Amino acid sequence: MGLFRATLSAIRGGLSKTRSALAAPLATLRGRVIDDNTIDELEHLLLSSDVGVTTTDAIVNDLRDEVASGALKDKDILELLRERLLLRLKGKDRTIAVAEKSPTAILVAGVNGVGKTTSVAKIGRALKDEGRTVLLAAADTFRAGAVSQLTTWADRLGIEIVKGTQGADPAAVTYDAASAAIARGIDVLLIDTAGRLHTQEPLMRQLEKIRQVTSKKIDGAPHEVLLVLDATQGQNTLAQAKKFAESINVTGIFLSKLDGTARGGIVFAIEDETGIPVKLIGIGERPDDVEPFDPETFVEALIEVSR
């Protein structure tokens, strides 16, 4: 399910804080002889941008080996960086799954405060703009105001919603929504689950119950399980991703608030540490500020200021 094509201009704008933080340091590396001192500076820059230890070590260790062998004479370190960053992101399936028979069920999870409900609305908007029919399941019945928040988004976007009262059984709401999606011939069922800390075992089990209910009602569901992570939380997102992946089969990451951080390199850390592909990114507050994650466009936007 290709939401829409990623655009360089949109992602460049969304990464403006990261690019501003990287611009001056990267500019000082251009044209320099690639030696251990240059690589040391690059290593510090990558770590400070939340690229992560695994990714950084892989890149700088390769560069050090090539320096020792004399293979980097007359090479541009920024071009080498671009190539290696792109290589780290290659080879992953970033498409949103589509069921052979409608509806496609997409379950959205995440901790409180990461922008999960807003992310659900953004996905719904993108799907509707593609001409798909969408039904929202307001299965976040724990947080005060969550149902009303999603209802407001549904009304604003002209998307149908199935909801229960606050405190209702989330699995029951999900079951009703799945039944409605089938009866109405809906293309995509979007399930907004309760925000939960990755350390809250009872709530994590509740998430598994929602998954089971969905699969009993819709063959092969959920076809996609998206975990919303807040890019501004840096390395804490890794602990969240790992814990959620233990409880449910997370198939993709929606990295929200990427426009609000100077450490957009967290994308590399997430993928190297968890193996879960980033599929969507949030780059603003508007309903249409969502982009499919495209590695080439992302890397180009990340370091183009110094090219």
C-alpha atoms as a PDB file:
ATOM      1  CA  MET A   1       0.000   0.000   0.000  1.00  0.00           C
ATOM      2  CA  GLY A   2       2.020   2.944  -1.217  1.00  0.00           C
ATOM      3  CA  LEU A   3       0.666   5.912   0.676  1.00  0.00           C
ATOM      4  CA  PHE A   4       2.347   8.408  -1.626  1.00  0.00           C
ATOM      5  CA  ARG A   5       5.761   9.253  -2.922  1.00  0.00           C
ATOM      6  CA  ALA A   6       8.231  10.810  -0.491  1.00  0.00           C
ATOM      7  CA  THR A   7       9.273  14.312  -1.533  1.00  0.00           C
ATOM      8  CA  LEU A   8      12.703  15.754  -0.909  1.00  0.00           C
ATOM      9  CA  SER A   9      11.381  19.235  -0.185  1.00  0.00           C
ATOM     10  CA  ALA A  10       9.005  17.994   2.520  1.00  0.00           C
ATOM     11  CA  ILE A  11      11.597  15.835   4.243  1.00  0.00           C
ATOM     12  CA  ARG A  12      14.248  18.545   3.940  1.00  0.00           C
ATOM     13  CA  GLY A  13      11.911  20.909   5.765  1.00  0.00           C
ATOM     14  CA  GLY A  14      11.094  18.290   8.389  1.00  0.00           C
ATOM     15  CA  LEU A  15      14.787  17.701   9.048  1.00  0.00           C
ATOM     16  CA  SER A  16      15.675  21.378   9.311  1.00  0.00           C
ATOM     17  CA  LYS A  17      16.740  21.134  12.973  1.00  0.00           C
ATOM     18  CA  THR A  18      18.913  18.097  12.366  1.00  0.00           C
ATOM     19  CA  ARG A  19      20.429  19.652   9.279  1.00  0.00           C
ATOM     20  CA  SER A  20      21.168  22.894  11.103  1.00  0.00           C
ATOM     21  CA  ALA A  21      23.005  20.966  13.803  1.00  0.00           C
ATOM     22  CA  LEU A  22      24.974  18.990  11.222  1.00  0.00           C
ATOM     23  CA  ALA A  23      25.681  21.722   8.687  1.00  0.00           C
ATOM     24  CA  ALA A  24      28.603  23.566  10.288  1.00  0.00           C
ATOM     25  CA  PRO A  25      30.471  20.476  11.582  1.00  0.00           C
ATOM     26  CA  LEU A  26      30.061  18.628   8.275  1.00  0.00           C
ATOM     27  CA  ALA A  27      31.202  21.651   6.330  1.00  0.00           C
ATOM     28  CA  THR A  28      34.518  21.639   8.192  1.00  0.00           C
ATOM     29  CA  LEU A  29      35.176  18.075   7.019  1.00  0.00           C
ATOM     30  CA  ARG A  30      34.730  18.719   3.315  1.00  0.00           C
ATOM     31  CA  GLY A  31      37.952  18.601   1.342  1.00  0.00           C
ATOM     32  CA  ARG A  32      40.074  17.479   4.266  1.00  0.00           C
ATOM     33  CA  VAL A  33      42.509  14.628   4.096  1.00  0.00           C
ATOM     34  CA  ILE A  34      40.801  11.558   5.507  1.00  0.00           C
ATOM     35  CA  ASP A  35      42.890  10.485   8.478  1.00  0.00           C
ATOM     36  CA  ASP A  36      42.267   9.282  12.020  1.00  0.00           C
ATOM     37  CA  ASN A  37      41.618  12.798  13.299  1.00  0.00           C
ATOM     38  CA  THR A  38      39.007  13.447  10.605  1.00  0.00           C
ATOM     39  CA  ILE A  39      37.317  10.139  11.370  1.00  0.00           C
ATOM     40  CA  ASP A  40      37.363  10.925  15.102  1.00  0.00           C
ATOM     41  CA  GLU A  41      35.478  14.157  14.396  1.00  0.00           C
ATOM     42  CA  LEU A  42      32.992  12.317  12.200  1.00  0.00           C
ATOM     43  CA  GLU A  43      32.464   9.719  14.922  1.00  0.00           C
ATOM     44  CA  HIS A  44      31.662  12.411  17.498  1.00  0.00           C
ATOM     45  CA  LEU A  45      29.273  14.084  15.069  1.00  0.00           C
ATOM     46  CA  LEU A  46      27.379  10.881  14.329  1.00  0.00           C
ATOM     47  CA  LEU A  47      27.015   9.970  18.003  1.00  0.00           C
ATOM     48  CA  SER A  48      25.824  13.453  18.922  1.00  0.00           C
ATOM     49  CA  SER A  49      23.150  13.169  16.226  1.00  0.00           C
ATOM     50  CA  ASP A  50      21.816   9.944  17.815  1.00  0.00           C
ATOM     51  CA  VAL A  51      22.943   7.781  14.920  1.00  0.00           C
ATOM     52  CA  GLY A  52      23.797   5.198  17.576  1.00  0.00           C
ATOM     53  CA  VAL A  53      26.827   3.207  18.601  1.00  0.00           C
ATOM     54  CA  THR A  54      26.172   0.221  16.318  1.00  0.00           C
ATOM     55  CA  THR A  55      25.831   2.287  13.149  1.00  0.00           C
ATOM     56  CA  THR A  56      28.629   4.674  14.068  1.00  0.00           C
ATOM     57  CA  ASP A  57      31.063   1.889  14.896  1.00  0.00           C
ATOM     58  CA  ALA A  58      30.310   0.101  11.637  1.00  0.00           C
ATOM     59  CA  ILE A  59      30.938   3.239   9.581  1.00  0.00           C
ATOM     60  CA  VAL A  60      34.037   4.576  11.332  1.00  0.00           C
ATOM     61  CA  ASN A  61      35.695   1.164  11.690  1.00  0.00           C
ATOM     62  CA  ASP A  62      35.362   0.571   7.962  1.00  0.00           C
ATOM     63  CA  LEU A  63      36.788   4.004   7.266  1.00  0.00           C
ATOM     64  CA  ARG A  64      39.724   3.418   9.607  1.00  0.00           C
ATOM     65  CA  ASP A  65      40.519   0.128   7.853  1.00  0.00           C
ATOM     66  CA  GLU A  66      40.426   1.839   4.476  1.00  0.00           C
ATOM     67  CA  VAL A  67      42.624   4.684   5.708  1.00  0.00           C
ATOM     68  CA  ALA A  68      45.169   2.150   6.920  1.00  0.00           C
ATOM     69  CA  SER A  69      45.189   0.470   3.513  1.00  0.00           C
ATOM     70  CA  GLY A  70      45.530   3.769   1.659  1.00  0.00           C
ATOM     71  CA  ALA A  71      42.222   3.274  -0.143  1.00  0.00           C
ATOM     72  CA  LEU A  72      40.764   6.701   0.690  1.00  0.00           C
ATOM     73  CA  LYS A  73      43.256   8.985  -1.010  1.00  0.00           C
ATOM     74  CA  ASP A  74      41.514  11.806  -2.886  1.00  0.00           C
ATOM     75  CA  LYS A  75      38.122  10.669  -1.573  1.00  0.00           C
ATOM     76  CA  ASP A  76      35.446  13.015  -0.226  1.00  0.00           C
ATOM     77  CA  ILE A  77      34.485  11.994   3.303  1.00  0.00           C
ATOM     78  CA  LEU A  78      30.982  13.423   2.973  1.00  0.00           C
ATOM     79  CA  GLU A  79      30.310  11.403  -0.143  1.00  0.00           C
ATOM     80  CA  LEU A  80      31.626   8.329   1.655  1.00  0.00           C
ATOM     81  CA  LEU A  81      29.345   9.124   4.582  1.00  0.00           C
ATOM     82  CA  ARG A  82      26.357   9.454   2.282  1.00  0.00           C
ATOM     83  CA  GLU A  83      27.076   6.100   0.670  1.00  0.00           C
ATOM     84  CA  ARG A  84      27.532   4.301   3.977  1.00  0.00           C
ATOM     85  CA  LEU A  85      24.470   5.799   5.628  1.00  0.00           C
ATOM     86  CA  LEU A  86      22.385   4.764   2.654  1.00  0.00           C
ATOM     87  CA  LEU A  87      23.852   1.272   2.756  1.00  0.00           C
ATOM     88  CA  ARG A  88      22.692   0.874   6.375  1.00  0.00           C
ATOM     89  CA  LEU A  89      19.096   1.512   5.297  1.00  0.00           C
ATOM     90  CA  LYS A  90      18.987  -0.618   2.171  1.00  0.00           C
ATOM     91  CA  GLY A  91      17.225  -3.948   1.707  1.00  0.00           C
ATOM     92  CA  LYS A  92      14.195  -3.521   3.997  1.00  0.00           C
ATOM     93  CA  ASP A  93      10.551  -3.801   3.003  1.00  0.00           C
ATOM     94  CA  ARG A  94       8.986  -0.425   3.764  1.00  0.00           C
ATOM     95  CA  THR A  95       5.641  -0.931   2.091  1.00  0.00           C
ATOM     96  CA  ILE A  96       2.435  -0.948   4.113  1.00  0.00           C
ATOM     97  CA  ALA A  97       0.869  -4.405   3.870  1.00  0.00           C
ATOM     98  CA  VAL A  98      -2.397  -4.899   2.004  1.00  0.00           C
ATOM     99  CA  ALA A  99      -4.798  -7.748   2.697  1.00  0.00           C
ATOM    100  CA  GLU A 100      -5.752 -10.000  -0.206  1.00  0.00           C
ATOM    101  CA  LYS A 101      -9.360  -9.383   0.781  1.00  0.00           C
ATOM    102  CA  SER A 102     -10.539  -6.157   2.396  1.00  0.00           C
ATOM    103  CA  PRO A 103     -10.439  -4.849   4.996  1.00  0.00           C
ATOM    104  CA  THR A 104      -6.758  -4.347   5.654  1.00  0.00           C
ATOM    105  CA  ALA A 105      -6.308  -3.991   9.418  1.00  0.00           C
ATOM    106  CA  ILE A 106      -3.563  -1.713  10.737  1.00  0.00           C
ATOM    107  CA  LEU A 107      -2.938  -1.746  14.478  1.00  0.00           C
ATOM    108  CA  VAL A 108      -1.144   1.294  15.891  1.00  0.00           C
ATOM    109  CA  ALA A 109       0.672   1.110  19.246  1.00  0.00           C
ATOM    110  CA  GLY A 110       3.004   3.263  21.322  1.00  0.00           C
ATOM    111  CA  VAL A 111       3.609   4.825  24.713  1.00  0.00           C
ATOM    112  CA  ASN A 112       1.730   7.862  25.961  1.00  0.00           C
ATOM    113  CA  GLY A 113       2.834  11.185  24.574  1.00  0.00           C
ATOM    114  CA  VAL A 114       4.472  10.036  21.343  1.00  0.00           C
ATOM    115  CA  GLY A 115       1.754  11.466  19.099  1.00  0.00           C
ATOM    116  CA  LYS A 116       0.063   8.125  18.449  1.00  0.00           C
ATOM    117  CA  THR A 117      -3.523   9.306  17.982  1.00  0.00           C
ATOM    118  CA  THR A 118      -2.416  12.184  15.772  1.00  0.00           C
ATOM    119  CA  SER A 119      -0.343   9.724  13.745  1.00  0.00           C
ATOM    120  CA  VAL A 120      -3.427   7.531  13.274  1.00  0.00           C
ATOM    121  CA  ALA A 121      -5.288  10.566  11.952  1.00  0.00           C
ATOM    122  CA  LYS A 122      -2.439  11.362   9.546  1.00  0.00           C
ATOM    123  CA  ILE A 123      -2.436   7.824   8.167  1.00  0.00           C
ATOM    124  CA  GLY A 124      -6.209   7.970   7.781  1.00  0.00           C
ATOM    125  CA  ARG A 125      -5.968  11.259   5.922  1.00  0.00           C
ATOM    126  CA  ALA A 126      -3.311   9.900   3.547  1.00  0.00           C
ATOM    127  CA  LEU A 127      -5.351   6.784   2.821  1.00  0.00           C
ATOM    128  CA  LYS A 128      -8.520   8.772   2.220  1.00  0.00           C
ATOM    129  CA  ASP A 129      -6.649  11.092  -0.151  1.00  0.00           C
ATOM    130  CA  GLU A 130      -5.701   7.966  -2.111  1.00  0.00           C
ATOM    131  CA  GLY A 131      -9.375   7.172  -2.541  1.00  0.00           C
ATOM    132  CA  ARG A 132      -9.536   4.390   0.043  1.00  0.00           C
ATOM    133  CA  THR A 133     -12.372   4.052   2.516  1.00  0.00           C
ATOM    134  CA  VAL A 134     -11.175   4.166   6.125  1.00  0.00           C
ATOM    135  CA  LEU A 135     -12.712   3.243   9.467  1.00  0.00           C
ATOM    136  CA  LEU A 136     -11.131   4.287  12.757  1.00  0.00           C
ATOM    137  CA  ALA A 137     -11.379   2.053  15.833  1.00  0.00           C
ATOM    138  CA  ALA A 138     -11.107   4.130  19.020  1.00  0.00           C
ATOM    139  CA  ALA A 139      -9.659   1.334  21.167  1.00  0.00           C
ATOM    140  CA  ASP A 140      -7.792   3.756  23.433  1.00  0.00           C
ATOM    141  CA  THR A 141     -10.414   3.716  26.172  1.00  0.00           C
ATOM    142  CA  PHE A 142      -8.038   4.265  29.100  1.00  0.00           C
ATOM    143  CA  ARG A 143      -6.699   7.759  28.561  1.00  0.00           C
ATOM    144  CA  ALA A 144      -9.147  10.503  29.453  1.00  0.00           C
ATOM    145  CA  GLY A 145     -10.088  12.378  26.304  1.00  0.00           C
ATOM    146  CA  ALA A 146      -8.538   9.882  23.884  1.00  0.00           C
ATOM    147  CA  VAL A 147     -11.837   8.837  22.316  1.00  0.00           C
ATOM    148  CA  SER A 148     -13.001  12.434  21.969  1.00  0.00           C
ATOM    149  CA  GLN A 149      -9.644  13.404  20.447  1.00  0.00           C
ATOM    150  CA  LEU A 150      -9.903  10.719  17.773  1.00  0.00           C
ATOM    151  CA  THR A 151     -13.562  11.591  17.222  1.00  0.00           C
ATOM    152  CA  THR A 152     -12.590  15.206  16.576  1.00  0.00           C
ATOM    153  CA  TRP A 153     -10.018  14.056  14.023  1.00  0.00           C
ATOM    154  CA  ALA A 154     -12.585  11.741  12.385  1.00  0.00           C
ATOM    155  CA  ASP A 155     -15.114  14.576  12.088  1.00  0.00           C
ATOM    156  CA  ARG A 156     -12.488  16.948  10.729  1.00  0.00           C
ATOM    157  CA  LEU A 157     -11.267  14.476   8.113  1.00  0.00           C
ATOM    158  CA  GLY A 158     -14.654  13.036   7.220  1.00  0.00           C
ATOM    159  CA  ILE A 159     -13.711   9.497   8.278  1.00  0.00           C
ATOM    160  CA  GLU A 160     -16.022   6.986   9.971  1.00  0.00           C
ATOM    161  CA  ILE A 161     -15.279   5.890  13.537  1.00  0.00           C
ATOM    162  CA  VAL A 162     -16.360   3.130  15.906  1.00  0.00           C
ATOM    163  CA  LYS A 163     -15.950   3.935  19.583  1.00  0.00           C
ATOM    164  CA  GLY A 164     -16.944   2.941  23.073  1.00  0.00           C
ATOM    165  CA  THR A 165     -17.188   4.816  26.326  1.00  0.00           C
ATOM    166  CA  GLN A 166     -14.141   5.639  28.414  1.00  0.00           C
ATOM    167  CA  GLY A 167     -13.117   2.571  30.364  1.00  0.00           C
ATOM    168  CA  ALA A 168     -14.810   0.158  27.954  1.00  0.00           C
ATOM    169  CA  ASP A 169     -13.055  -3.071  26.989  1.00  0.00           C
ATOM    170  CA  PRO A 170     -10.653  -2.122  24.155  1.00  0.00           C
ATOM    171  CA  ALA A 171     -10.874  -5.614  22.666  1.00  0.00           C
ATOM    172  CA  ALA A 172     -14.674  -5.335  22.500  1.00  0.00           C
ATOM    173  CA  VAL A 173     -14.423  -1.985  20.721  1.00  0.00           C
ATOM    174  CA  THR A 174     -11.952  -3.518  18.286  1.00  0.00           C
ATOM    175  CA  TYR A 175     -14.270  -6.471  17.653  1.00  0.00           C
ATOM    176  CA  ASP A 176     -17.178  -4.117  16.917  1.00  0.00           C
ATOM    177  CA  ALA A 177     -14.997  -2.038  14.601  1.00  0.00           C
ATOM    178  CA  ALA A 178     -13.774  -5.121  12.731  1.00  0.00           C
ATOM    179  CA  SER A 179     -17.373  -6.295  12.305  1.00  0.00           C
ATOM    180  CA  ALA A 180     -18.388  -2.864  11.026  1.00  0.00           C
ATOM    181  CA  ALA A 181     -15.454  -2.727   8.599  1.00  0.00           C
ATOM    182  CA  ILE A 182     -16.533  -6.043   7.074  1.00  0.00           C
ATOM    183  CA  ALA A 183     -20.222  -5.112   6.920  1.00  0.00           C
ATOM    184  CA  ARG A 184     -19.549  -1.725   5.327  1.00  0.00           C
ATOM    185  CA  GLY A 185     -16.991  -2.961   2.810  1.00  0.00           C
ATOM    186  CA  ILE A 186     -14.265  -0.721   4.246  1.00  0.00           C
ATOM    187  CA  ASP A 187     -10.808  -0.809   2.649  1.00  0.00           C
ATOM    188  CA  VAL A 188      -8.709  -0.064   5.742  1.00  0.00           C
ATOM    189  CA  LEU A 189      -9.432  -0.452   9.461  1.00  0.00           C
ATOM    190  CA  LEU A 190      -7.134   1.707  11.598  1.00  0.00           C
ATOM    191  CA  ILE A 191      -7.005   0.641  15.251  1.00  0.00           C
ATOM    192  CA  ASP A 192      -5.860   3.265  17.763  1.00  0.00           C
ATOM    193  CA  THR A 193      -4.769   1.455  20.937  1.00  0.00           C
ATOM    194  CA  ALA A 194      -4.167   2.823  24.419  1.00  0.00           C
ATOM    195  CA  GLY A 195      -0.823   4.421  25.037  1.00  0.00           C
ATOM    196  CA  ARG A 196       1.137   2.298  27.473  1.00  0.00           C
ATOM    197  CA  LEU A 197       4.570   2.221  28.994  1.00  0.00           C
ATOM    198  CA  HIS A 198       6.659  -0.602  27.609  1.00  0.00           C
ATOM    199  CA  THR A 199       7.178  -1.698  31.251  1.00  0.00           C
ATOM    200  CA  GLN A 200       3.450  -2.134  31.970  1.00  0.00           C
ATOM    201  CA  GLU A 201       2.970  -5.868  31.521  1.00  0.00           C
ATOM    202  CA  PRO A 202      -0.856  -5.964  32.046  1.00  0.00           C
ATOM    203  CA  LEU A 203      -1.372  -3.315  29.392  1.00  0.00           C
ATOM    204  CA  MET A 204       1.018  -5.061  27.049  1.00  0.00           C
ATOM    205  CA  ARG A 205      -1.073  -8.209  27.463  1.00  0.00           C
ATOM    206  CA  GLN A 206      -4.160  -6.138  26.656  1.00  0.00           C
ATOM    207  CA  LEU A 207      -2.489  -5.179  23.392  1.00  0.00           C
ATOM    208  CA  GLU A 208      -1.991  -8.840  22.562  1.00  0.00           C
ATOM    209  CA  LYS A 209      -5.687  -9.441  23.295  1.00  0.00           C
ATOM    210  CA  ILE A 210      -6.633  -6.726  20.803  1.00  0.00           C
ATOM    211  CA  ARG A 211      -4.410  -8.386  18.217  1.00  0.00           C
ATOM    212  CA  GLN A 212      -6.029 -11.770  18.832  1.00  0.00           C
ATOM    213  CA  VAL A 213      -9.569 -10.389  18.567  1.00  0.00           C
ATOM    214  CA  THR A 214      -8.729  -8.705  15.287  1.00  0.00           C
ATOM    215  CA  SER A 215      -7.212 -11.869  13.827  1.00  0.00           C
ATOM    216  CA  LYS A 216     -10.293 -13.925  14.744  1.00  0.00           C
ATOM    217  CA  LYS A 217     -12.588 -11.515  12.943  1.00  0.00           C
ATOM    218  CA  ILE A 218     -10.453 -10.627   9.915  1.00  0.00           C
ATOM    219  CA  ASP A 219      -8.338 -13.238   8.170  1.00  0.00           C
ATOM    220  CA  GLY A 220      -4.627 -12.545   8.563  1.00  0.00           C
ATOM    221  CA  ALA A 221      -5.189  -9.435  10.698  1.00  0.00           C
ATOM    222  CA  PRO A 222      -3.593  -7.295  11.794  1.00  0.00           C
ATOM    223  CA  HIS A 223      -1.834  -7.050   8.462  1.00  0.00           C
ATOM    224  CA  GLU A 224       0.369  -4.254   9.729  1.00  0.00           C
ATOM    225  CA  VAL A 225       1.441  -3.377  13.281  1.00  0.00           C
ATOM    226  CA  LEU A 226       2.912   0.101  13.420  1.00  0.00           C
ATOM    227  CA  LEU A 227       4.763   1.285  16.506  1.00  0.00           C
ATOM    228  CA  VAL A 228       4.778   5.054  16.937  1.00  0.00           C
ATOM    229  CA  LEU A 229       8.024   6.385  18.395  1.00  0.00           C
ATOM    230  CA  ASP A 230       8.849   9.967  19.307  1.00  0.00           C
ATOM    231  CA  ALA A 231      12.031  11.061  17.533  1.00  0.00           C
ATOM    232  CA  THR A 232      12.676  13.687  20.211  1.00  0.00           C
ATOM    233  CA  GLN A 233      13.107  10.983  22.882  1.00  0.00           C
ATOM    234  CA  GLY A 234      16.369   9.788  21.333  1.00  0.00           C
ATOM    235  CA  GLN A 235      17.824   6.561  22.631  1.00  0.00           C
ATOM    236  CA  ASN A 236      14.798   5.862  24.852  1.00  0.00           C
ATOM    237  CA  THR A 237      12.916   4.892  21.700  1.00  0.00           C
ATOM    238  CA  LEU A 238      15.121   1.805  21.393  1.00  0.00           C
ATOM    239  CA  ALA A 239      13.976   0.370  24.731  1.00  0.00           C
ATOM    240  CA  GLN A 240      10.365   0.988  23.741  1.00  0.00           C
ATOM    241  CA  ALA A 241      10.768  -0.697  20.359  1.00  0.00           C
ATOM    242  CA  LYS A 242      12.472  -3.769  21.823  1.00  0.00           C
ATOM    243  CA  LYS A 243       9.846  -4.268  24.537  1.00  0.00           C
ATOM    244  CA  PHE A 244       6.878  -3.836  22.213  1.00  0.00           C
ATOM    245  CA  ALA A 245       8.465  -6.257  19.737  1.00  0.00           C
ATOM    246  CA  GLU A 246       8.524  -8.884  22.506  1.00  0.00           C
ATOM    247  CA  SER A 247       4.748  -8.617  23.006  1.00  0.00           C
ATOM    248  CA  ILE A 248       3.463  -8.107  19.470  1.00  0.00           C
ATOM    249  CA  ASN A 249       4.870  -8.612  16.008  1.00  0.00           C
ATOM    250  CA  VAL A 250       5.811  -5.029  15.172  1.00  0.00           C
ATOM    251  CA  THR A 251       6.101  -4.781  11.394  1.00  0.00           C
ATOM    252  CA  GLY A 252       7.031  -1.132  11.029  1.00  0.00           C
ATOM    253  CA  ILE A 253       7.897   2.112  12.797  1.00  0.00           C
ATOM    254  CA  PHE A 254       6.080   5.430  12.494  1.00  0.00           C
ATOM    255  CA  LEU A 255       8.685   7.920  13.691  1.00  0.00           C
ATOM    256  CA  SER A 256       6.772  10.998  14.829  1.00  0.00           C
ATOM    257  CA  LYS A 257       7.964  14.526  15.624  1.00  0.00           C
ATOM    258  CA  LEU A 258      11.031  14.209  13.409  1.00  0.00           C
ATOM    259  CA  ASP A 259      10.717  17.918  12.725  1.00  0.00           C
ATOM    260  CA  GLY A 260      11.143  18.660  16.434  1.00  0.00           C
ATOM    261  CA  THR A 261      14.604  17.200  16.998  1.00  0.00           C
ATOM    262  CA  ALA A 262      18.191  17.965  16.019  1.00  0.00           C
ATOM    263  CA  ARG A 263      18.939  14.239  16.297  1.00  0.00           C
ATOM    264  CA  GLY A 264      17.275  12.754  13.253  1.00  0.00           C
ATOM    265  CA  GLY A 265      20.020  10.145  13.109  1.00  0.00           C
ATOM    266  CA  ILE A 266      17.894   8.069  15.491  1.00  0.00           C
ATOM    267  CA  VAL A 267      16.478   6.405  12.363  1.00  0.00           C
ATOM    268  CA  PHE A 268      19.739   4.496  11.920  1.00  0.00           C
ATOM    269  CA  ALA A 269      19.927   3.475  15.571  1.00  0.00           C
ATOM    270  CA  ILE A 270      16.357   2.153  15.541  1.00  0.00           C
ATOM    271  CA  GLU A 271      16.869   0.014  12.477  1.00  0.00           C
ATOM    272  CA  ASP A 272      20.287  -1.321  13.423  1.00  0.00           C
ATOM    273  CA  GLU A 273      19.275  -2.149  16.998  1.00  0.00           C
ATOM    274  CA  THR A 274      15.813  -3.605  16.344  1.00  0.00           C
ATOM    275  CA  GLY A 275      15.777  -4.699  12.711  1.00  0.00           C
ATOM    276  CA  ILE A 276      12.322  -3.114  12.378  1.00  0.00           C
ATOM    277  CA  PRO A 277      12.010  -0.852   9.316  1.00  0.00           C
ATOM    278  CA  VAL A 278      10.941   2.763   9.634  1.00  0.00           C
ATOM    279  CA  LYS A 279       7.985   2.990   7.272  1.00  0.00           C
ATOM    280  CA  LEU A 280       6.474   6.399   7.981  1.00  0.00           C
ATOM    281  CA  ILE A 281       7.731   9.679   9.418  1.00  0.00           C
ATOM    282  CA  GLY A 282       5.856  12.607  10.911  1.00  0.00           C
ATOM    283  CA  ILE A 283       7.346  15.956   9.943  1.00  0.00           C
ATOM    284  CA  GLY A 284       4.840  18.471  11.275  1.00  0.00           C
ATOM    285  CA  GLU A 285       1.564  19.024  13.092  1.00  0.00           C
ATOM    286  CA  ARG A 286      -0.802  19.222  10.123  1.00  0.00           C
ATOM    287  CA  PRO A 287      -2.838  16.169   9.046  1.00  0.00           C
ATOM    288  CA  ASP A 288      -0.863  15.920   5.804  1.00  0.00           C
ATOM    289  CA  ASP A 289       2.566  16.155   7.496  1.00  0.00           C
ATOM    290  CA  VAL A 290       3.328  12.467   7.056  1.00  0.00           C
ATOM    291  CA  GLU A 291       5.718  10.921   4.565  1.00  0.00           C
ATOM    292  CA  PRO A 292       6.639   7.378   3.603  1.00  0.00           C
ATOM    293  CA  PHE A 293      10.210   6.758   4.650  1.00  0.00           C
ATOM    294  CA  ASP A 294      12.467   6.585   1.604  1.00  0.00           C
ATOM    295  CA  PRO A 295      16.166   5.987   2.439  1.00  0.00           C
ATOM    296  CA  GLU A 296      17.630   7.880  -0.510  1.00  0.00           C
ATOM    297  CA  THR A 297      15.403  10.903   0.014  1.00  0.00           C
ATOM    298  CA  PHE A 298      16.081  10.850   3.748  1.00  0.00           C
ATOM    299  CA  VAL A 299      19.877  10.660   3.467  1.00  0.00           C
ATOM    300  CA  GLU A 300      19.868  13.305   0.748  1.00  0.00           C
ATOM    301  CA  ALA A 301      17.838  15.634   2.957  1.00  0.00           C
ATOM    302  CA  LEU A 302      19.995  14.861   5.984  1.00  0.00           C
ATOM    303  CA  ILE A 303      23.360  15.902   4.560  1.00  0.00           C
ATOM    304  CA  GLU A 304      22.639  17.811   1.351  1.00  0.00           C
ATOM    305  CA  VAL A 305      23.551  21.143   2.955  1.00  0.00           C
ATOM    306  CA  SER A 306      27.200  20.223   2.784  1.00  0.00           C
ATOM    307  CA  ARG A 307      27.260  18.665  -0.668  1.00  0.00           C
END
